[in-house]
PDB file of N, CA and C in Angstrom:
ATOM      1  N   UNK A   1      -1.346 -15.440 -35.454  1.00  0.00           N
ATOM      2  CA  UNK A   1      -2.154 -16.332 -35.014  1.00  0.00           C
ATOM      3  C   UNK A   1      -3.153 -16.437 -33.708  1.00  0.00           C
ATOM      4  N   UNK A   2      -4.300 -16.502 -33.943  1.00  0.00           N
ATOM      5  CA  UNK A   2      -5.566 -16.412 -32.770  1.00  0.00           C
ATOM      6  C   UNK A   2      -6.011 -17.452 -32.197  1.00  0.00           C
ATOM      7  N   UNK A   3      -6.512 -17.473 -31.165  1.00  0.00           N
ATOM      8  CA  UNK A   3      -6.861 -17.997 -30.378  1.00  0.00           C
ATOM      9  C   UNK A   3      -7.836 -19.485 -31.048  1.00  0.00           C
ATOM     10  N   UNK A   4      -8.305 -19.428 -32.048  1.00  0.00           N
ATOM     11  CA  UNK A   4      -9.028 -20.362 -32.151  1.00  0.00           C
ATOM     12  C   UNK A   4      -8.466 -21.704 -33.672  1.00  0.00           C
ATOM     13  N   UNK A   5      -7.573 -20.437 -33.621  1.00  0.00           N
ATOM     14  CA  UNK A   5      -6.572 -21.602 -34.526  1.00  0.00           C
ATOM     15  C   UNK A   5      -5.964 -22.476 -33.683  1.00  0.00           C
ATOM     16  N   UNK A   6      -5.403 -22.424 -32.396  1.00  0.00           N
ATOM     17  CA  UNK A   6      -4.704 -23.194 -31.682  1.00  0.00           C
ATOM     18  C   UNK A   6      -5.405 -24.872 -32.005  1.00  0.00           C
ATOM     19  N   UNK A   7      -4.610 -26.241 -32.118  1.00  0.00           N
ATOM     20  CA  UNK A   7      -5.312 -27.358 -32.087  1.00  0.00           C
ATOM     21  C   UNK A   7      -5.324 -28.147 -30.394  1.00  0.00           C
ATOM     22  N   UNK A   8      -6.167 -28.748 -30.124  1.00  0.00           N
ATOM     23  CA  UNK A   8      -6.456 -29.300 -28.547  1.00  0.00           C
ATOM     24  C   UNK A   8      -4.411 -29.709 -28.611  1.00  0.00           C
ATOM     25  N   UNK A   9      -4.557 -29.893 -27.147  1.00  0.00           N
ATOM     26  CA  UNK A   9      -3.940 -30.026 -26.548  1.00  0.00           C
ATOM     27  C   UNK A   9      -2.127 -29.349 -26.155  1.00  0.00           C
ATOM     28  N   UNK A  10      -2.472 -28.175 -27.979  1.00  0.00           N
ATOM     29  CA  UNK A  10      -1.327 -27.167 -27.600  1.00  0.00           C
ATOM     30  C   UNK A  10      -1.614 -26.038 -26.498  1.00  0.00           C
ATOM     31  N   UNK A  11      -0.217 -25.448 -25.949  1.00  0.00           N
ATOM     32  CA  UNK A  11       0.130 -24.685 -25.614  1.00  0.00           C
ATOM     33  C   UNK A  11      -0.093 -23.227 -26.689  1.00  0.00           C
ATOM     34  N   UNK A  12      -0.085 -22.386 -25.436  1.00  0.00           N
ATOM     35  CA  UNK A  12       0.133 -21.327 -26.516  1.00  0.00           C
ATOM     36  C   UNK A  12       0.760 -20.103 -25.465  1.00  0.00           C
ATOM     37  N   UNK A  13       0.691 -18.684 -25.697  1.00  0.00           N
ATOM     38  CA  UNK A  13       1.420 -17.839 -24.646  1.00  0.00           C
ATOM     39  C   UNK A  13      -0.075 -16.074 -25.934  1.00  0.00           C
ATOM     40  N   UNK A  14      -0.527 -15.558 -25.060  1.00  0.00           N
ATOM     41  CA  UNK A  14      -1.290 -14.401 -25.069  1.00  0.00           C
ATOM     42  C   UNK A  14      -0.368 -13.387 -25.816  1.00  0.00           C
ATOM     43  N   UNK A  15      -0.154 -13.075 -26.709  1.00  0.00           N
ATOM     44  CA  UNK A  15       0.160 -11.097 -27.708  1.00  0.00           C
ATOM     45  C   UNK A  15      -1.057  -9.980 -27.038  1.00  0.00           C
ATOM     46  N   UNK A  16      -1.520 -10.554 -27.891  1.00  0.00           N
ATOM     47  CA  UNK A  16      -2.396  -9.057 -27.611  1.00  0.00           C
ATOM     48  C   UNK A  16      -4.047  -9.586 -27.708  1.00  0.00           C
ATOM     49  N   UNK A  17      -4.564  -9.353 -26.786  1.00  0.00           N
ATOM     50  CA  UNK A  17      -6.218  -9.412 -27.018  1.00  0.00           C
ATOM     51  C   UNK A  17      -7.082  -7.764 -27.773  1.00  0.00           C
ATOM     52  N   UNK A  18      -7.288  -8.229 -28.992  1.00  0.00           N
ATOM     53  CA  UNK A  18      -8.198  -6.798 -29.076  1.00  0.00           C
ATOM     54  C   UNK A  18      -9.791  -7.075 -29.074  1.00  0.00           C
ATOM     55  N   UNK A  19      -9.961  -7.272 -28.750  1.00  0.00           N
ATOM     56  CA  UNK A  19     -12.158  -7.383 -28.116  1.00  0.00           C
ATOM     57  C   UNK A  19     -12.232  -5.793 -27.495  1.00  0.00           C
ATOM     58  N   UNK A  20     -12.590  -5.238 -27.407  1.00  0.00           N
ATOM     59  CA  UNK A  20     -13.232  -4.181 -26.941  1.00  0.00           C
ATOM     60  C   UNK A  20     -14.168  -4.086 -25.746  1.00  0.00           C
ATOM     61  N   UNK A  21     -14.691  -3.026 -25.594  1.00  0.00           N
ATOM     62  CA  UNK A  21     -16.049  -3.353 -24.981  1.00  0.00           C
ATOM     63  C   UNK A  21     -16.675  -3.612 -23.813  1.00  0.00           C
ATOM     64  N   UNK A  22     -17.800  -4.373 -23.493  1.00  0.00           N
ATOM     65  CA  UNK A  22     -18.086  -5.541 -22.559  1.00  0.00           C
ATOM     66  C   UNK A  22     -17.098  -6.935 -21.771  1.00  0.00           C
ATOM     67  N   UNK A  23     -16.570  -7.169 -23.911  1.00  0.00           N
ATOM     68  CA  UNK A  23     -16.567  -8.738 -23.893  1.00  0.00           C
ATOM     69  C   UNK A  23     -14.808  -8.176 -23.683  1.00  0.00           C
ATOM     70  N   UNK A  24     -13.854  -7.861 -24.725  1.00  0.00           N
ATOM     71  CA  UNK A  24     -13.256  -7.465 -24.077  1.00  0.00           C
ATOM     72  C   UNK A  24     -12.821  -7.412 -22.818  1.00  0.00           C
ATOM     73  N   UNK A  25     -13.335  -6.502 -21.283  1.00  0.00           N
ATOM     74  CA  UNK A  25     -13.188  -6.574 -20.221  1.00  0.00           C
ATOM     75  C   UNK A  25     -13.436  -7.697 -19.253  1.00  0.00           C
ATOM     76  N   UNK A  26     -14.395  -8.321 -20.447  1.00  0.00           N
ATOM     77  CA  UNK A  26     -14.661  -9.710 -19.797  1.00  0.00           C
ATOM     78  C   UNK A  26     -13.854 -10.688 -19.623  1.00  0.00           C
ATOM     79  N   UNK A  27     -13.335 -10.931 -20.440  1.00  0.00           N
ATOM     80  CA  UNK A  27     -11.675 -11.254 -21.227  1.00  0.00           C
ATOM     81  C   UNK A  27     -10.870 -11.795 -20.341  1.00  0.00           C
ATOM     82  N   UNK A  28     -10.797  -9.805 -19.969  1.00  0.00           N
ATOM     83  CA  UNK A  28      -9.511  -9.386 -18.849  1.00  0.00           C
ATOM     84  C   UNK A  28      -9.879  -9.684 -18.061  1.00  0.00           C
ATOM     85  N   UNK A  29     -11.080  -9.859 -17.449  1.00  0.00           N
ATOM     86  CA  UNK A  29     -11.295  -9.969 -15.561  1.00  0.00           C
ATOM     87  C   UNK A  29     -11.075 -10.971 -15.695  1.00  0.00           C
ATOM     88  N   UNK A  30     -10.930 -12.328 -16.571  1.00  0.00           N
ATOM     89  CA  UNK A  30     -10.920 -13.473 -16.941  1.00  0.00           C
ATOM     90  C   UNK A  30      -9.182 -13.995 -16.634  1.00  0.00           C
ATOM     91  N   UNK A  31      -8.490 -13.313 -16.683  1.00  0.00           N
ATOM     92  CA  UNK A  31      -7.650 -13.473 -17.325  1.00  0.00           C
ATOM     93  C   UNK A  31      -6.593 -13.844 -17.988  1.00  0.00           C
ATOM     94  N   UNK A  32      -7.379 -12.897 -19.365  1.00  0.00           N
ATOM     95  CA  UNK A  32      -6.855 -12.664 -20.962  1.00  0.00           C
ATOM     96  C   UNK A  32      -6.112 -11.764 -21.115  1.00  0.00           C
ATOM     97  N   UNK A  33      -4.695 -11.855 -20.542  1.00  0.00           N
ATOM     98  CA  UNK A  33      -3.293 -10.530 -20.740  1.00  0.00           C
ATOM     99  C   UNK A  33      -2.504 -10.791 -21.438  1.00  0.00           C
ATOM    100  N   UNK A  34      -2.072 -10.099 -22.074  1.00  0.00           N
ATOM    101  CA  UNK A  34      -0.510 -10.195 -22.473  1.00  0.00           C
ATOM    102  C   UNK A  34       0.844 -11.641 -21.213  1.00  0.00           C
ATOM    103  N   UNK A  35       1.226 -12.458 -22.106  1.00  0.00           N
ATOM    104  CA  UNK A  35       2.323 -12.936 -21.235  1.00  0.00           C
ATOM    105  C   UNK A  35       1.271 -14.510 -20.473  1.00  0.00           C
ATOM    106  N   UNK A  36       0.227 -13.953 -21.106  1.00  0.00           N
ATOM    107  CA  UNK A  36      -0.776 -15.084 -20.235  1.00  0.00           C
ATOM    108  C   UNK A  36      -0.492 -17.120 -21.056  1.00  0.00           C
ATOM    109  N   UNK A  37       0.045 -17.867 -19.709  1.00  0.00           N
ATOM    110  CA  UNK A  37      -0.697 -19.070 -21.271  1.00  0.00           C
ATOM    111  C   UNK A  37      -1.347 -19.422 -20.741  1.00  0.00           C
ATOM    112  N   UNK A  38      -1.584 -20.256 -21.857  1.00  0.00           N
ATOM    113  CA  UNK A  38      -2.908 -21.241 -22.562  1.00  0.00           C
ATOM    114  C   UNK A  38      -3.365 -22.058 -22.579  1.00  0.00           C
ATOM    115  N   UNK A  39      -3.402 -23.164 -22.350  1.00  0.00           N
ATOM    116  CA  UNK A  39      -3.825 -24.792 -23.285  1.00  0.00           C
ATOM    117  C   UNK A  39      -5.356 -24.719 -23.565  1.00  0.00           C
ATOM    118  N   UNK A  40      -5.540 -24.845 -24.953  1.00  0.00           N
ATOM    119  CA  UNK A  40      -6.373 -25.073 -25.505  1.00  0.00           C
ATOM    120  C   UNK A  40      -7.240 -27.289 -25.311  1.00  0.00           C
ATOM    121  N   UNK A  41      -7.563 -27.663 -24.341  1.00  0.00           N
ATOM    122  CA  UNK A  41      -8.538 -28.593 -23.959  1.00  0.00           C
ATOM    123  C   UNK A  41      -9.424 -28.916 -25.293  1.00  0.00           C
ATOM    124  N   UNK A  42     -10.549 -28.455 -25.651  1.00  0.00           N
ATOM    125  CA  UNK A  42     -11.226 -28.850 -26.598  1.00  0.00           C
ATOM    126  C   UNK A  42     -11.386 -27.564 -27.484  1.00  0.00           C
ATOM    127  N   UNK A  43     -11.563 -27.923 -29.147  1.00  0.00           N
ATOM    128  CA  UNK A  43     -11.349 -26.751 -30.054  1.00  0.00           C
ATOM    129  C   UNK A  43     -12.802 -27.283 -30.495  1.00  0.00           C
ATOM    130  N   UNK A  44     -14.173 -26.750 -30.878  1.00  0.00           N
ATOM    131  CA  UNK A  44     -15.226 -27.720 -31.785  1.00  0.00           C
ATOM    132  C   UNK A  44     -14.781 -27.313 -33.238  1.00  0.00           C
ATOM    133  N   UNK A  45     -14.787 -27.748 -33.665  1.00  0.00           N
ATOM    134  CA  UNK A  45     -14.276 -27.402 -35.719  1.00  0.00           C
ATOM    135  C   UNK A  45     -15.755 -26.346 -35.489  1.00  0.00           C
ATOM    136  N   UNK A  46     -17.244 -26.517 -36.002  1.00  0.00           N
ATOM    137  CA  UNK A  46     -18.045 -26.192 -36.069  1.00  0.00           C
ATOM    138  C   UNK A  46     -18.650 -24.975 -35.588  1.00  0.00           C
ATOM    139  N   UNK A  47     -19.566 -25.063 -34.331  1.00  0.00           N
ATOM    140  CA  UNK A  47     -20.041 -24.825 -33.330  1.00  0.00           C
ATOM    141  C   UNK A  47     -19.433 -24.716 -32.241  1.00  0.00           C
ATOM    142  N   UNK A  48     -19.192 -23.230 -31.118  1.00  0.00           N
ATOM    143  CA  UNK A  48     -18.720 -23.592 -30.167  1.00  0.00           C
ATOM    144  C   UNK A  48     -18.844 -24.356 -29.456  1.00  0.00           C
ATOM    145  N   UNK A  49     -17.906 -24.142 -28.006  1.00  0.00           N
ATOM    146  CA  UNK A  49     -17.447 -23.192 -28.035  1.00  0.00           C
ATOM    147  C   UNK A  49     -15.815 -23.814 -28.500  1.00  0.00           C
ATOM    148  N   UNK A  50     -14.871 -23.114 -27.917  1.00  0.00           N
ATOM    149  CA  UNK A  50     -12.921 -23.459 -27.215  1.00  0.00           C
ATOM    150  C   UNK A  50     -13.202 -23.382 -25.838  1.00  0.00           C
ATOM    151  N   UNK A  51     -12.850 -24.644 -25.064  1.00  0.00           N
ATOM    152  CA  UNK A  51     -12.279 -24.903 -23.912  1.00  0.00           C
ATOM    153  C   UNK A  51     -11.435 -24.938 -23.795  1.00  0.00           C
ATOM    154  N   UNK A  52     -10.550 -24.142 -22.656  1.00  0.00           N
ATOM    155  CA  UNK A  52      -9.542 -23.122 -22.748  1.00  0.00           C
ATOM    156  C   UNK A  52      -9.047 -24.034 -20.648  1.00  0.00           C
ATOM    157  N   UNK A  53      -7.560 -24.210 -20.994  1.00  0.00           N
ATOM    158  CA  UNK A  53      -7.116 -23.941 -19.487  1.00  0.00           C
ATOM    159  C   UNK A  53      -5.830 -23.024 -19.025  1.00  0.00           C
ATOM    160  N   UNK A  54      -6.564 -21.670 -18.548  1.00  0.00           N
ATOM    161  CA  UNK A  54      -5.382 -20.504 -18.421  1.00  0.00           C
ATOM    162  C   UNK A  54      -5.600 -20.373 -16.954  1.00  0.00           C
ATOM    163  N   UNK A  55      -4.472 -20.416 -16.358  1.00  0.00           N
ATOM    164  CA  UNK A  55      -3.923 -19.277 -14.267  1.00  0.00           C
ATOM    165  C   UNK A  55      -4.415 -21.028 -13.691  1.00  0.00           C
ATOM    166  N   UNK A  56      -4.556 -21.939 -14.365  1.00  0.00           N
ATOM    167  CA  UNK A  56      -5.699 -23.184 -13.366  1.00  0.00           C
ATOM    168  C   UNK A  56      -7.160 -23.241 -13.471  1.00  0.00           C
ATOM    169  N   UNK A  57      -7.797 -22.816 -14.251  1.00  0.00           N
ATOM    170  CA  UNK A  57      -8.794 -22.992 -13.942  1.00  0.00           C
ATOM    171  C   UNK A  57      -9.039 -23.071 -15.056  1.00  0.00           C
ATOM    172  N   UNK A  58     -10.128 -23.649 -15.612  1.00  0.00           N
ATOM    173  CA  UNK A  58     -11.251 -24.132 -16.704  1.00  0.00           C
ATOM    174  C   UNK A  58     -11.794 -23.035 -17.737  1.00  0.00           C
ATOM    175  N   UNK A  59     -12.124 -22.144 -19.041  1.00  0.00           N
ATOM    176  CA  UNK A  59     -12.540 -21.638 -19.668  1.00  0.00           C
ATOM    177  C   UNK A  59     -13.354 -21.940 -21.013  1.00  0.00           C
ATOM    178  N   UNK A  60     -14.583 -22.055 -20.901  1.00  0.00           N
ATOM    179  CA  UNK A  60     -14.828 -21.736 -21.766  1.00  0.00           C
ATOM    180  C   UNK A  60     -15.015 -20.706 -23.003  1.00  0.00           C
ATOM    181  N   UNK A  61     -15.306 -20.594 -24.291  1.00  0.00           N
ATOM    182  CA  UNK A  61     -15.264 -19.118 -25.035  1.00  0.00           C
ATOM    183  C   UNK A  61     -15.485 -19.057 -26.108  1.00  0.00           C
ATOM    184  N   UNK A  62     -16.293 -18.892 -26.897  1.00  0.00           N
ATOM    185  CA  UNK A  62     -17.291 -18.571 -28.029  1.00  0.00           C
ATOM    186  C   UNK A  62     -16.459 -18.132 -29.228  1.00  0.00           C
ATOM    187  N   UNK A  63     -15.713 -19.333 -30.276  1.00  0.00           N
ATOM    188  CA  UNK A  63     -14.819 -18.668 -31.307  1.00  0.00           C
ATOM    189  C   UNK A  63     -14.961 -17.585 -31.768  1.00  0.00           C
ATOM    190  N   UNK A  64     -15.878 -16.171 -31.784  1.00  0.00           N
ATOM    191  CA  UNK A  64     -15.734 -15.313 -31.847  1.00  0.00           C
ATOM    192  C   UNK A  64     -14.912 -14.206 -30.806  1.00  0.00           C
ATOM    193  N   UNK A  65     -14.850 -14.877 -29.822  1.00  0.00           N
ATOM    194  CA  UNK A  65     -14.402 -14.558 -28.988  1.00  0.00           C
ATOM    195  C   UNK A  65     -13.021 -14.291 -28.975  1.00  0.00           C
ATOM    196  N   UNK A  66     -12.261 -16.300 -29.959  1.00  0.00           N
ATOM    197  CA  UNK A  66     -11.251 -16.047 -29.313  1.00  0.00           C
ATOM    198  C   UNK A  66     -10.305 -15.997 -30.791  1.00  0.00           C
ATOM    199  N   UNK A  67     -11.593 -15.276 -31.380  1.00  0.00           N
ATOM    200  CA  UNK A  67     -10.477 -14.535 -32.750  1.00  0.00           C
ATOM    201  C   UNK A  67     -10.076 -13.477 -32.939  1.00  0.00           C
ATOM    202  N   UNK A  68     -10.134 -13.279 -31.304  1.00  0.00           N
ATOM    203  CA  UNK A  68     -10.134 -11.442 -30.701  1.00  0.00           C
ATOM    204  C   UNK A  68      -9.125 -11.893 -30.082  1.00  0.00           C
ATOM    205  N   UNK A  69      -7.940 -12.802 -29.996  1.00  0.00           N
ATOM    206  CA  UNK A  69      -7.480 -13.604 -29.320  1.00  0.00           C
ATOM    207  C   UNK A  69      -5.446 -13.835 -30.108  1.00  0.00           C
ATOM    208  N   UNK A  70      -5.076 -11.896 -30.156  1.00  0.00           N
ATOM    209  CA  UNK A  70      -3.747 -12.841 -30.615  1.00  0.00           C
ATOM    210  C   UNK A  70      -2.756 -13.332 -29.864  1.00  0.00           C
ATOM    211  N   UNK A  71      -2.191 -14.607 -30.445  1.00  0.00           N
ATOM    212  CA  UNK A  71      -1.166 -15.848 -29.441  1.00  0.00           C
ATOM    213  C   UNK A  71      -0.714 -16.234 -29.741  1.00  0.00           C
ATOM    214  N   UNK A  72       1.127 -16.765 -29.596  1.00  0.00           N
ATOM    215  CA  UNK A  72       1.463 -17.602 -30.836  1.00  0.00           C
ATOM    216  C   UNK A  72       1.941 -19.029 -29.608  1.00  0.00           C
ATOM    217  N   UNK A  73       2.407 -19.670 -30.860  1.00  0.00           N
ATOM    218  CA  UNK A  73       1.880 -21.181 -29.981  1.00  0.00           C
ATOM    219  C   UNK A  73       3.586 -21.466 -29.518  1.00  0.00           C
ATOM    220  N   UNK A  74       3.454 -22.255 -27.956  1.00  0.00           N
ATOM    221  CA  UNK A  74       4.759 -22.748 -27.994  1.00  0.00           C
ATOM    222  C   UNK A  74       4.877 -24.276 -27.628  1.00  0.00           C
TER     223      UNK A  74
END
């Protein structure tokens, strides 16, 4: 399951981040590492963004980026 599939108000844990290059590095710098718990605050169904709560702060990422992060639902 990928992060863009998680419904708002649900929590998940990052299993793997499959993005490379600058985008993958930027997500890792923001704390998107395996084992990190994430709560989905808002997931816009048709257009970006996906709003997340990770490590105590809010982050908004694109759906294309969220598709590159594999998670397991809590």
